[in-house]
Amino acid sequence: SKRLFRKVGDCSSAFYPDVSEIRRDGAYIYEEFLPTEGADLKVYTVGPKYAYAEARKSPTLDGRVVRDPSGKEVRFPVLLTAHEKDVARRISLAFGQMVNGFDILRAHGASYVCDVNGWSFVKDSHKF
């Protein structure tokens, strides 16, 4: 099994080739693995009319986090499709917040929102 976890240093996942059982020692959420195109998208909205997206190397590729010299995870700007922009608008309206952040996985020719969250990445970023 491949287990993802909060980043520790430059590591974000580990592969356990001999483990495939369901853990019963706590509360876990299991979801179907979606093989992506190698990157995860981080989308940030400011109101329903503005969305900015960045990509990072998917942690499932090799379990390693790529960091810049200051220790921040390396990300690069990407363009959203018209459908993804509409999804961003609908998330902004549904949550009724001015600022939102969420993750998109692109897999099998489609886009999947897998996590709606806060703006933890941008709190110390001068870019935003």
Foldseek 3Di string as FASTA:
>chain_A
DKDADPDDQFFGIDDDPVDDDDDDPDDDDDDDDFDFPQWKKKWKAQALQDIWIKIAGDCVPPRTFDADPVGAGDIGTDDDDPVVSNVSNVVCVVVVDRMWMWMWGQHPNDIDTDGIDHDVRCPPPPVD
